[in-house]
Amino acid sequence: MATQETQQTPAATSRRNEKVGNVVSTKMQKTIVVEVEMRKAHAKYKRIVKSSKKFYAHDEQNSARVGDVVRIRETRPLSKLKRWSLEEIVRRSSLGQLEEVQKPQSAS
């Protein structure tokens, strides 16, 4: 029994919320805006209703780009609006790669 209790890691027992969404804006320093889409059945009509909410998340390395799909994790308040931090980039967007290719061509 003692071995089962010690096998649990702190990450597995973490109660912090995680959300997956699209990066909408990266115009601030070390901050990204992530839009999370929620699908929920309407209470009366039972139709699936889409609603979205924007979250401000801390991005220490400024690694996320607009259009990326990212996972964010709840954290302590970092500023007036930031209560989330970037956990990982799930999928890179193809938009960022196209912009990088076009910039060197327009410079020459």
PDB file of N, CA and C in Angstrom:
ATOM      1  N   MET A   1       0.803  -1.197   0.000  1.00  0.00           N
ATOM      2  CA  MET A   1       0.000   0.000   0.000  1.00  0.00           C
ATOM      3  C   MET A   1       0.844   1.257   0.000  1.00  0.00           C
ATOM      4  N   ALA A   2       1.971   1.218   0.678  1.00  0.00           N
ATOM      5  CA  ALA A   2       2.824   2.398   0.768  1.00  0.00           C
ATOM      6  C   ALA A   2       3.422   2.742  -0.597  1.00  0.00           C
ATOM      7  N   THR A   3       3.677   1.715  -1.430  1.00  0.00           N
ATOM      8  CA  THR A   3       4.258   1.981  -2.743  1.00  0.00           C
ATOM      9  C   THR A   3       3.261   2.688  -3.653  1.00  0.00           C
ATOM     10  N   GLN A   4       1.988   2.400  -3.520  1.00  0.00           N
ATOM     11  CA  GLN A   4       0.981   3.056  -4.352  1.00  0.00           C
ATOM     12  C   GLN A   4       0.889   4.536  -4.030  1.00  0.00           C
ATOM     13  N   GLU A   5       1.026   4.896  -2.769  1.00  0.00           N
ATOM     14  CA  GLU A   5       0.927   6.296  -2.374  1.00  0.00           C
ATOM     15  C   GLU A   5       2.126   7.102  -2.860  1.00  0.00           C
ATOM     16  N   THR A   6       3.301   6.496  -2.883  1.00  0.00           N
ATOM     17  CA  THR A   6       4.501   7.223  -3.278  1.00  0.00           C
ATOM     18  C   THR A   6       4.631   7.360  -4.792  1.00  0.00           C
ATOM     19  N   GLN A   7       3.891   6.582  -5.562  1.00  0.00           N
ATOM     20  CA  GLN A   7       4.003   6.642  -7.013  1.00  0.00           C
ATOM     21  C   GLN A   7       3.331   7.872  -7.604  1.00  0.00           C
ATOM     22  N   GLN A   8       2.432   8.495  -6.871  1.00  0.00           N
ATOM     23  CA  GLN A   8       1.748   9.674  -7.398  1.00  0.00           C
ATOM     24  C   GLN A   8       2.725  10.844  -7.487  1.00  0.00           C
ATOM     25  N   THR A   9       2.757  11.474  -8.638  1.00  0.00           N
ATOM     26  CA  THR A   9       3.637  12.616  -8.832  1.00  0.00           C
ATOM     27  C   THR A   9       2.870  13.900  -8.571  1.00  0.00           C
ATOM     28  N   PRO A  10       3.563  15.005  -8.260  1.00  0.00           N
ATOM     29  CA  PRO A  10       2.870  16.275  -8.039  1.00  0.00           C
ATOM     30  C   PRO A  10       2.107  16.741  -9.270  1.00  0.00           C
ATOM     31  N   ALA A  11       2.616  16.438 -10.457  1.00  0.00           N
ATOM     32  CA  ALA A  11       1.938  16.863 -11.688  1.00  0.00           C
ATOM     33  C   ALA A  11       0.606  16.136 -11.852  1.00  0.00           C
ATOM     34  N   ALA A  12       0.549  14.881 -11.447  1.00  0.00           N
ATOM     35  CA  ALA A  12      -0.685  14.102 -11.599  1.00  0.00           C
ATOM     36  C   ALA A  12      -1.757  14.581 -10.624  1.00  0.00           C
ATOM     37  N   THR A  13      -1.350  15.077  -9.463  1.00  0.00           N
ATOM     38  CA  THR A  13      -2.314  15.512  -8.470  1.00  0.00           C
ATOM     39  C   THR A  13      -2.610  17.009  -8.568  1.00  0.00           C
ATOM     40  N   SER A  14      -2.077  17.668  -9.548  1.00  0.00           N
ATOM     41  CA  SER A  14      -2.285  19.111  -9.708  1.00  0.00           C
ATOM     42  C   SER A  14      -3.757  19.397 -10.003  1.00  0.00           C
ATOM     43  N   ARG A  15      -4.289  20.424  -9.327  1.00  0.00           N
ATOM     44  CA  ARG A  15      -5.690  20.760  -9.513  1.00  0.00           C
ATOM     45  C   ARG A  15      -5.871  21.985 -10.392  1.00  0.00           C
ATOM     46  N   ARG A  16      -4.830  22.443 -11.039  1.00  0.00           N
ATOM     47  CA  ARG A  16      -4.937  23.644 -11.856  1.00  0.00           C
ATOM     48  C   ARG A  16      -5.627  23.327 -13.177  1.00  0.00           C
ATOM     49  N   ASN A  17      -6.493  24.241 -13.589  1.00  0.00           N
ATOM     50  CA  ASN A  17      -7.236  24.046 -14.832  1.00  0.00           C
ATOM     51  C   ASN A  17      -6.313  24.171 -16.030  1.00  0.00           C
ATOM     52  N   GLU A  18      -6.624  23.425 -17.070  1.00  0.00           N
ATOM     53  CA  GLU A  18      -5.925  23.540 -18.346  1.00  0.00           C
ATOM     54  C   GLU A  18      -6.959  23.735 -19.428  1.00  0.00           C
ATOM     55  N   LYS A  19      -6.634  24.579 -20.402  1.00  0.00           N
ATOM     56  CA  LYS A  19      -7.531  24.819 -21.529  1.00  0.00           C
ATOM     57  C   LYS A  19      -6.711  24.802 -22.807  1.00  0.00           C
ATOM     58  N   VAL A  20      -7.356  24.435 -23.903  1.00  0.00           N
ATOM     59  CA  VAL A  20      -6.725  24.419 -25.212  1.00  0.00           C
ATOM     60  C   VAL A  20      -7.467  25.408 -26.096  1.00  0.00           C
ATOM     61  N   GLY A  21      -6.717  26.283 -26.779  1.00  0.00           N
ATOM     62  CA  GLY A  21      -7.358  27.278 -27.630  1.00  0.00           C
ATOM     63  C   GLY A  21      -6.407  27.827 -28.672  1.00  0.00           C
ATOM     64  N   ASN A  22      -6.913  28.759 -29.476  1.00  0.00           N
ATOM     65  CA  ASN A  22      -6.131  29.377 -30.553  1.00  0.00           C
ATOM     66  C   ASN A  22      -5.547  30.702 -30.099  1.00  0.00           C
ATOM     67  N   VAL A  23      -4.308  30.976 -30.507  1.00  0.00           N
ATOM     68  CA  VAL A  23      -3.686  32.263 -30.207  1.00  0.00           C
ATOM     69  C   VAL A  23      -4.274  33.297 -31.147  1.00  0.00           C
ATOM     70  N   VAL A  24      -4.821  34.383 -30.572  1.00  0.00           N
ATOM     71  CA  VAL A  24      -5.471  35.422 -31.348  1.00  0.00           C
ATOM     72  C   VAL A  24      -4.547  36.625 -31.516  1.00  0.00           C
ATOM     73  N   SER A  25      -3.748  36.920 -30.481  1.00  0.00           N
ATOM     74  CA  SER A  25      -2.888  38.098 -30.524  1.00  0.00           C
ATOM     75  C   SER A  25      -1.584  37.829 -29.791  1.00  0.00           C
ATOM     76  N   THR A  26      -0.486  38.380 -30.345  1.00  0.00           N
ATOM     77  CA  THR A  26       0.826  38.291 -29.695  1.00  0.00           C
ATOM     78  C   THR A  26       1.478  39.676 -29.671  1.00  0.00           C
ATOM     79  N   LYS A  27       0.693  40.730 -29.654  1.00  0.00           N
ATOM     80  CA  LYS A  27       1.221  42.084 -29.784  1.00  0.00           C
ATOM     81  C   LYS A  27       1.851  42.626 -28.512  1.00  0.00           C
ATOM     82  N   MET A  28       1.615  41.963 -27.381  1.00  0.00           N
ATOM     83  CA  MET A  28       2.197  42.410 -26.125  1.00  0.00           C
ATOM     84  C   MET A  28       3.478  41.634 -25.845  1.00  0.00           C
ATOM     85  N   GLN A  29       4.321  42.183 -24.991  1.00  0.00           N
ATOM     86  CA  GLN A  29       5.557  41.503 -24.637  1.00  0.00           C
ATOM     87  C   GLN A  29       5.280  40.428 -23.607  1.00  0.00           C
ATOM     88  N   LYS A  30       5.715  39.191 -23.910  1.00  0.00           N
ATOM     89  CA  LYS A  30       5.563  38.030 -23.034  1.00  0.00           C
ATOM     90  C   LYS A  30       4.109  37.724 -22.680  1.00  0.00           C
ATOM     91  N   THR A  31       3.180  38.155 -23.513  1.00  0.00           N
ATOM     92  CA  THR A  31       1.761  37.887 -23.278  1.00  0.00           C
ATOM     93  C   THR A  31       1.100  37.479 -24.579  1.00  0.00           C
ATOM     94  N   ILE A  32       0.251  36.471 -24.507  1.00  0.00           N
ATOM     95  CA  ILE A  32      -0.541  36.072 -25.660  1.00  0.00           C
ATOM     96  C   ILE A  32      -2.011  36.090 -25.259  1.00  0.00           C
ATOM     97  N   VAL A  33      -2.880  36.272 -26.246  1.00  0.00           N
ATOM     98  CA  VAL A  33      -4.317  36.198 -26.017  1.00  0.00           C
ATOM     99  C   VAL A  33      -4.797  34.912 -26.672  1.00  0.00           C
ATOM    100  N   VAL A  34      -5.410  34.050 -25.877  1.00  0.00           N
ATOM    101  CA  VAL A  34      -5.863  32.741 -26.348  1.00  0.00           C
ATOM    102  C   VAL A  34      -7.375  32.717 -26.304  1.00  0.00           C
ATOM    103  N   GLU A  35      -7.988  32.353 -27.440  1.00  0.00           N
ATOM    104  CA  GLU A  35      -9.436  32.239 -27.503  1.00  0.00           C
ATOM    105  C   GLU A  35      -9.818  30.771 -27.384  1.00  0.00           C
ATOM    106  N   VAL A  36     -10.605  30.462 -26.358  1.00  0.00           N
ATOM    107  CA  VAL A  36     -11.040  29.090 -26.096  1.00  0.00           C
ATOM    108  C   VAL A  36     -12.506  28.989 -26.485  1.00  0.00           C
ATOM    109  N   GLU A  37     -12.821  28.009 -27.324  1.00  0.00           N
ATOM    110  CA  GLU A  37     -14.192  27.803 -27.781  1.00  0.00           C
ATOM    111  C   GLU A  37     -14.833  26.706 -26.946  1.00  0.00           C
ATOM    112  N   MET A  38     -15.995  27.010 -26.390  1.00  0.00           N
ATOM    113  CA  MET A  38     -16.718  26.043 -25.568  1.00  0.00           C
ATOM    114  C   MET A  38     -18.009  25.644 -26.280  1.00  0.00           C
ATOM    115  N   ARG A  39     -18.275  24.361 -26.308  1.00  0.00           N
ATOM    116  CA  ARG A  39     -19.507  23.852 -26.918  1.00  0.00           C
ATOM    117  C   ARG A  39     -20.341  23.244 -25.805  1.00  0.00           C
ATOM    118  N   LYS A  40     -21.576  23.723 -25.698  1.00  0.00           N
ATOM    119  CA  LYS A  40     -22.429  23.307 -24.603  1.00  0.00           C
ATOM    120  C   LYS A  40     -23.854  23.150 -25.117  1.00  0.00           C
ATOM    121  N   ALA A  41     -24.549  22.159 -24.610  1.00  0.00           N
ATOM    122  CA  ALA A  41     -25.944  21.953 -24.998  1.00  0.00           C
ATOM    123  C   ALA A  41     -26.816  22.994 -24.298  1.00  0.00           C
ATOM    124  N   HIS A  42     -27.733  23.597 -25.052  1.00  0.00           N
ATOM    125  CA  HIS A  42     -28.663  24.574 -24.482  1.00  0.00           C
ATOM    126  C   HIS A  42     -29.573  23.870 -23.475  1.00  0.00           C
ATOM    127  N   ALA A  43     -29.821  24.532 -22.354  1.00  0.00           N
ATOM    128  CA  ALA A  43     -30.578  23.899 -21.280  1.00  0.00           C
ATOM    129  C   ALA A  43     -31.986  23.516 -21.706  1.00  0.00           C
ATOM    130  N   LYS A  44     -32.661  24.387 -22.448  1.00  0.00           N
ATOM    131  CA  LYS A  44     -34.045  24.122 -22.823  1.00  0.00           C
ATOM    132  C   LYS A  44     -34.164  23.419 -24.168  1.00  0.00           C
ATOM    133  N   TYR A  45     -33.427  23.904 -25.167  1.00  0.00           N
ATOM    134  CA  TYR A  45     -33.611  23.416 -26.534  1.00  0.00           C
ATOM    135  C   TYR A  45     -32.667  22.292 -26.921  1.00  0.00           C
ATOM    136  N   LYS A  46     -31.698  21.979 -26.094  1.00  0.00           N
ATOM    137  CA  LYS A  46     -30.749  20.868 -26.299  1.00  0.00           C
ATOM    138  C   LYS A  46     -29.906  21.014 -27.565  1.00  0.00           C
ATOM    139  N   ARG A  47     -29.851  22.188 -28.140  1.00  0.00           N
ATOM    140  CA  ARG A  47     -29.030  22.410 -29.331  1.00  0.00           C
ATOM    141  C   ARG A  47     -27.621  22.778 -28.875  1.00  0.00           C
ATOM    142  N   ILE A  48     -26.611  22.326 -29.601  1.00  0.00           N
ATOM    143  CA  ILE A  48     -25.230  22.647 -29.252  1.00  0.00           C
ATOM    144  C   ILE A  48     -24.974  24.113 -29.577  1.00  0.00           C
ATOM    145  N   VAL A  49     -24.535  24.858 -28.566  1.00  0.00           N
ATOM    146  CA  VAL A  49     -24.271  26.281 -28.724  1.00  0.00           C
ATOM    147  C   VAL A  49     -22.784  26.507 -28.526  1.00  0.00           C
ATOM    148  N   LYS A  50     -22.161  27.248 -29.460  1.00  0.00           N
ATOM    149  CA  LYS A  50     -20.747  27.574 -29.347  1.00  0.00           C
ATOM    150  C   LYS A  50     -20.598  28.934 -28.678  1.00  0.00           C
ATOM    151  N   SER A  51     -19.728  29.011 -27.704  1.00  0.00           N
ATOM    152  CA  SER A  51     -19.390  30.291 -27.105  1.00  0.00           C
ATOM    153  C   SER A  51     -17.880  30.330 -26.935  1.00  0.00           C
ATOM    154  N   SER A  52     -17.312  31.517 -26.961  1.00  0.00           N
ATOM    155  CA  SER A  52     -15.864  31.622 -26.840  1.00  0.00           C
ATOM    156  C   SER A  52     -15.510  32.659 -25.792  1.00  0.00           C
ATOM    157  N   LYS A  53     -14.314  32.482 -25.222  1.00  0.00           N
ATOM    158  CA  LYS A  53     -13.825  33.395 -24.208  1.00  0.00           C
ATOM    159  C   LYS A  53     -12.344  33.581 -24.423  1.00  0.00           C
ATOM    160  N   LYS A  54     -11.867  34.801 -24.206  1.00  0.00           N
ATOM    161  CA  LYS A  54     -10.451  35.103 -24.390  1.00  0.00           C
ATOM    162  C   LYS A  54      -9.746  35.114 -23.046  1.00  0.00           C
ATOM    163  N   PHE A  55      -8.559  34.516 -23.023  1.00  0.00           N
ATOM    164  CA  PHE A  55      -7.734  34.469 -21.831  1.00  0.00           C
ATOM    165  C   PHE A  55      -6.374  35.077 -22.150  1.00  0.00           C
ATOM    166  N   TYR A  56      -5.854  35.870 -21.229  1.00  0.00           N
ATOM    167  CA  TYR A  56      -4.505  36.421 -21.353  1.00  0.00           C
ATOM    168  C   TYR A  56      -3.553  35.444 -20.666  1.00  0.00           C
ATOM    169  N   ALA A  57      -2.511  35.021 -21.375  1.00  0.00           N
ATOM    170  CA  ALA A  57      -1.581  34.031 -20.843  1.00  0.00           C
ATOM    171  C   ALA A  57      -0.151  34.530 -20.951  1.00  0.00           C
ATOM    172  N   HIS A  58       0.672  34.120 -20.001  1.00  0.00           N
ATOM    173  CA  HIS A  58       2.082  34.511 -19.960  1.00  0.00           C
ATOM    174  C   HIS A  58       2.894  33.580 -20.850  1.00  0.00           C
ATOM    175  N   ASP A  59       3.678  34.163 -21.760  1.00  0.00           N
ATOM    176  CA  ASP A  59       4.537  33.409 -22.685  1.00  0.00           C
ATOM    177  C   ASP A  59       5.962  33.919 -22.484  1.00  0.00           C
ATOM    178  N   GLU A  60       6.733  33.230 -21.652  1.00  0.00           N
ATOM    179  CA  GLU A  60       8.055  33.713 -21.240  1.00  0.00           C
ATOM    180  C   GLU A  60       9.015  33.889 -22.412  1.00  0.00           C
ATOM    181  N   GLN A  61       9.047  32.948 -23.360  1.00  0.00           N
ATOM    182  CA  GLN A  61       9.998  33.020 -24.477  1.00  0.00           C
ATOM    183  C   GLN A  61       9.428  33.704 -25.718  1.00  0.00           C
ATOM    184  N   ASN A  62       8.220  34.186 -25.679  1.00  0.00           N
ATOM    185  CA  ASN A  62       7.552  34.748 -26.863  1.00  0.00           C
ATOM    186  C   ASN A  62       7.590  33.756 -28.020  1.00  0.00           C
ATOM    187  N   SER A  63       7.326  32.491 -27.734  1.00  0.00           N
ATOM    188  CA  SER A  63       7.447  31.443 -28.748  1.00  0.00           C
ATOM    189  C   SER A  63       6.158  31.225 -29.540  1.00  0.00           C
ATOM    190  N   ALA A  64       5.013  31.579 -28.988  1.00  0.00           N
ATOM    191  CA  ALA A  64       3.739  31.339 -29.678  1.00  0.00           C
ATOM    192  C   ALA A  64       3.505  32.388 -30.754  1.00  0.00           C
ATOM    193  N   ARG A  65       2.828  31.980 -31.829  1.00  0.00           N
ATOM    194  CA  ARG A  65       2.485  32.885 -32.923  1.00  0.00           C
ATOM    195  C   ARG A  65       0.986  32.855 -33.136  1.00  0.00           C
ATOM    196  N   VAL A  66       0.488  33.841 -33.857  1.00  0.00           N
ATOM    197  CA  VAL A  66      -0.949  33.927 -34.127  1.00  0.00           C
ATOM    198  C   VAL A  66      -1.374  32.699 -34.931  1.00  0.00           C
ATOM    199  N   GLY A  67      -2.459  32.076 -34.512  1.00  0.00           N
ATOM    200  CA  GLY A  67      -2.971  30.905 -35.202  1.00  0.00           C
ATOM    201  C   GLY A  67      -2.546  29.585 -34.592  1.00  0.00           C
ATOM    202  N   ASP A  68      -1.566  29.596 -33.691  1.00  0.00           N
ATOM    203  CA  ASP A  68      -1.127  28.363 -33.046  1.00  0.00           C
ATOM    204  C   ASP A  68      -2.216  27.834 -32.118  1.00  0.00           C
ATOM    205  N   VAL A  69      -2.263  26.522 -31.979  1.00  0.00           N
ATOM    206  CA  VAL A  69      -3.129  25.901 -30.990  1.00  0.00           C
ATOM    207  C   VAL A  69      -2.253  25.615 -29.773  1.00  0.00           C
ATOM    208  N   VAL A  70      -2.630  26.167 -28.616  1.00  0.00           N
ATOM    209  CA  VAL A  70      -1.803  26.071 -27.418  1.00  0.00           C
ATOM    210  C   VAL A  70      -2.599  25.535 -26.243  1.00  0.00           C
ATOM    211  N   ARG A  71      -1.862  24.999 -25.262  1.00  0.00           N
ATOM    212  CA  ARG A  71      -2.460  24.574 -23.997  1.00  0.00           C
ATOM    213  C   ARG A  71      -1.984  25.552 -22.931  1.00  0.00           C
ATOM    214  N   ILE A  72      -2.938  26.121 -22.188  1.00  0.00           N
ATOM    215  CA  ILE A  72      -2.595  27.056 -21.127  1.00  0.00           C
ATOM    216  C   ILE A  72      -3.018  26.467 -19.790  1.00  0.00           C
ATOM    217  N   ARG A  73      -2.293  26.858 -18.729  1.00  0.00           N
ATOM    218  CA  ARG A  73      -2.555  26.340 -17.388  1.00  0.00           C
ATOM    219  C   ARG A  73      -2.796  27.500 -16.438  1.00  0.00           C
ATOM    220  N   GLU A  74      -3.732  27.313 -15.548  1.00  0.00           N
ATOM    221  CA  GLU A  74      -4.058  28.331 -14.559  1.00  0.00           C
ATOM    222  C   GLU A  74      -2.874  28.541 -13.613  1.00  0.00           C
ATOM    223  N   THR A  75      -2.626  29.798 -13.246  1.00  0.00           N
ATOM    224  CA  THR A  75      -1.518  30.120 -12.361  1.00  0.00           C
ATOM    225  C   THR A  75      -1.923  31.264 -11.445  1.00  0.00           C
ATOM    226  N   ARG A  76      -1.017  31.694 -10.620  1.00  0.00           N
ATOM    227  CA  ARG A  76      -1.312  32.819  -9.732  1.00  0.00           C
ATOM    228  C   ARG A  76      -1.468  34.084 -10.571  1.00  0.00           C
ATOM    229  N   PRO A  77      -2.126  35.113 -10.053  1.00  0.00           N
ATOM    230  CA  PRO A  77      -2.273  36.351 -10.822  1.00  0.00           C
ATOM    231  C   PRO A  77      -0.911  36.988 -11.121  1.00  0.00           C
ATOM    232  N   LEU A  78      -0.639  37.218 -12.406  1.00  0.00           N
ATOM    233  CA  LEU A  78       0.625  37.831 -12.820  1.00  0.00           C
ATOM    234  C   LEU A  78       0.448  39.314 -13.120  1.00  0.00           C
ATOM    235  N   SER A  79      -0.750  39.731 -13.445  1.00  0.00           N
ATOM    236  CA  SER A  79      -1.052  41.140 -13.682  1.00  0.00           C
ATOM    237  C   SER A  79      -2.559  41.318 -13.510  1.00  0.00           C
ATOM    238  N   LYS A  80      -3.057  42.455 -13.960  1.00  0.00           N
ATOM    239  CA  LYS A  80      -4.479  42.729 -13.809  1.00  0.00           C
ATOM    240  C   LYS A  80      -5.338  41.689 -14.539  1.00  0.00           C
ATOM    241  N   LEU A  81      -4.907  41.260 -15.718  1.00  0.00           N
ATOM    242  CA  LEU A  81      -5.701  40.340 -16.533  1.00  0.00           C
ATOM    243  C   LEU A  81      -5.091  38.942 -16.675  1.00  0.00           C
ATOM    244  N   LYS A  82      -3.793  38.790 -16.435  1.00  0.00           N
ATOM    245  CA  LYS A  82      -3.128  37.506 -16.680  1.00  0.00           C
ATOM    246  C   LYS A  82      -3.228  36.579 -15.477  1.00  0.00           C
ATOM    247  N   ARG A  83      -3.913  35.454 -15.688  1.00  0.00           N
ATOM    248  CA  ARG A  83      -3.999  34.413 -14.670  1.00  0.00           C
ATOM    249  C   ARG A  83      -3.665  33.039 -15.247  1.00  0.00           C
ATOM    250  N   TRP A  84      -3.088  33.005 -16.435  1.00  0.00           N
ATOM    251  CA  TRP A  84      -2.778  31.763 -17.135  1.00  0.00           C
ATOM    252  C   TRP A  84      -1.344  31.821 -17.642  1.00  0.00           C
ATOM    253  N   SER A  85      -0.720  30.665 -17.840  1.00  0.00           N
ATOM    254  CA  SER A  85       0.617  30.612 -18.426  1.00  0.00           C
ATOM    255  C   SER A  85       0.628  29.565 -19.534  1.00  0.00           C
ATOM    256  N   LEU A  86       1.479  29.795 -20.510  1.00  0.00           N
ATOM    257  CA  LEU A  86       1.591  28.885 -21.656  1.00  0.00           C
ATOM    258  C   LEU A  86       2.234  27.590 -21.197  1.00  0.00           C
ATOM    259  N   GLU A  87       1.547  26.484 -21.411  1.00  0.00           N
ATOM    260  CA  GLU A  87       2.063  25.173 -21.018  1.00  0.00           C
ATOM    261  C   GLU A  87       2.829  24.545 -22.186  1.00  0.00           C
ATOM    262  N   GLU A  88       2.179  24.479 -23.362  1.00  0.00           N
ATOM    263  CA  GLU A  88       2.842  23.918 -24.541  1.00  0.00           C
ATOM    264  C   GLU A  88       2.113  24.371 -25.801  1.00  0.00           C
ATOM    265  N   ILE A  89       2.842  24.318 -26.906  1.00  0.00           N
ATOM    266  CA  ILE A  89       2.242  24.606 -28.205  1.00  0.00           C
ATOM    267  C   ILE A  89       1.844  23.263 -28.802  1.00  0.00           C
ATOM    268  N   VAL A  90       0.546  23.057 -28.944  1.00  0.00           N
ATOM    269  CA  VAL A  90       0.034  21.770 -29.426  1.00  0.00           C
ATOM    270  C   VAL A  90       0.282  21.643 -30.919  1.00  0.00           C
ATOM    271  N   ARG A  91      -0.059  22.692 -31.686  1.00  0.00           N
ATOM    272  CA  ARG A  91       0.112  22.654 -33.141  1.00  0.00           C
ATOM    273  C   ARG A  91       0.487  24.036 -33.640  1.00  0.00           C
ATOM    274  N   ARG A  92       1.530  24.112 -34.438  1.00  0.00           N
ATOM    275  CA  ARG A  92       1.958  25.368 -35.050  1.00  0.00           C
ATOM    276  C   ARG A  92       1.041  25.724 -36.208  1.00  0.00           C
ATOM    277  N   SER A  93       0.850  27.018 -36.433  1.00  0.00           N
ATOM    278  CA  SER A  93       0.016  27.441 -37.561  1.00  0.00           C
ATOM    279  C   SER A  93       0.884  27.561 -38.804  1.00  0.00           C
ATOM    280  N   SER A  94       0.269  27.393 -39.951  1.00  0.00           N
ATOM    281  CA  SER A  94       0.999  27.544 -41.212  1.00  0.00           C
ATOM    282  C   SER A  94       1.121  29.016 -41.583  1.00  0.00           C
ATOM    283  N   LEU A  95       0.331  29.893 -40.972  1.00  0.00           N
ATOM    284  CA  LEU A  95       0.392  31.325 -41.270  1.00  0.00           C
ATOM    285  C   LEU A  95       1.736  31.915 -40.888  1.00  0.00           C
ATOM    286  N   GLY A  96       2.268  31.542 -39.746  1.00  0.00           N
ATOM    287  CA  GLY A  96       3.554  32.068 -39.286  1.00  0.00           C
ATOM    288  C   GLY A  96       4.690  31.665 -40.205  1.00  0.00           C
ATOM    289  N   GLN A  97       4.638  30.456 -40.753  1.00  0.00           N
ATOM    290  CA  GLN A  97       5.682  29.993 -41.660  1.00  0.00           C
ATOM    291  C   GLN A  97       5.628  30.758 -42.976  1.00  0.00           C
ATOM    292  N   LEU A  98       4.443  31.081 -43.461  1.00  0.00           N
ATOM    293  CA  LEU A  98       4.310  31.833 -44.706  1.00  0.00           C
ATOM    294  C   LEU A  98       4.851  33.249 -44.551  1.00  0.00           C
ATOM    295  N   GLU A  99       4.600  33.885 -43.412  1.00  0.00           N
ATOM    296  CA  GLU A  99       5.085  35.239 -43.178  1.00  0.00           C
ATOM    297  C   GLU A  99       6.602  35.276 -43.125  1.00  0.00           C
ATOM    298  N   GLU A 100       7.237  34.249 -42.506  1.00  0.00           N
ATOM    299  CA  GLU A 100       8.692  34.205 -42.423  1.00  0.00           C
ATOM    300  C   GLU A 100       9.324  34.059 -43.798  1.00  0.00           C
ATOM    301  N   VAL A 101       8.680  33.296 -44.678  1.00  0.00           N
ATOM    302  CA  VAL A 101       9.213  33.090 -46.029  1.00  0.00           C
ATOM    303  C   VAL A 101       9.085  34.371 -46.843  1.00  0.00           C
ATOM    304  N   GLN A 102       7.993  35.114 -46.694  1.00  0.00           N
ATOM    305  CA  GLN A 102       7.752  36.320 -47.482  1.00  0.00           C
ATOM    306  C   GLN A 102       8.628  37.491 -47.049  1.00  0.00           C
ATOM    307  N   LYS A 103       9.008  37.589 -45.791  1.00  0.00           N
ATOM    308  CA  LYS A 103       9.808  38.715 -45.312  1.00  0.00           C
ATOM    309  C   LYS A 103      11.179  38.804 -45.983  1.00  0.00           C
ATOM    310  N   PRO A 104      11.961  37.712 -46.073  1.00  0.00           N
ATOM    311  CA  PRO A 104      13.271  37.829 -46.746  1.00  0.00           C
ATOM    312  C   PRO A 104      13.155  38.185 -48.235  1.00  0.00           C
ATOM    313  N   GLN A 105      12.114  37.733 -48.906  1.00  0.00           N
ATOM    314  CA  GLN A 105      11.959  38.027 -50.326  1.00  0.00           C
ATOM    315  C   GLN A 105      11.646  39.491 -50.553  1.00  0.00           C
ATOM    316  N   SER A 106      10.814  40.083 -49.698  1.00  0.00           N
ATOM    317  CA  SER A 106      10.460  41.496 -49.876  1.00  0.00           C
ATOM    318  C   SER A 106      11.613  42.417 -49.513  1.00  0.00           C
ATOM    319  N   ALA A 107      12.552  41.950 -48.669  1.00  0.00           N
ATOM    320  CA  ALA A 107      13.685  42.784 -48.281  1.00  0.00           C
ATOM    321  C   ALA A 107      14.713  42.923 -49.406  1.00  0.00           C
ATOM    322  N   SER A 108      14.833  41.909 -50.272  1.00  0.00           N
ATOM    323  CA  SER A 108      15.848  41.961 -51.332  1.00  0.00           C
ATOM    324  C   SER A 108      15.388  42.648 -52.585  1.00  0.00           C
TER     325      SER A 108
END
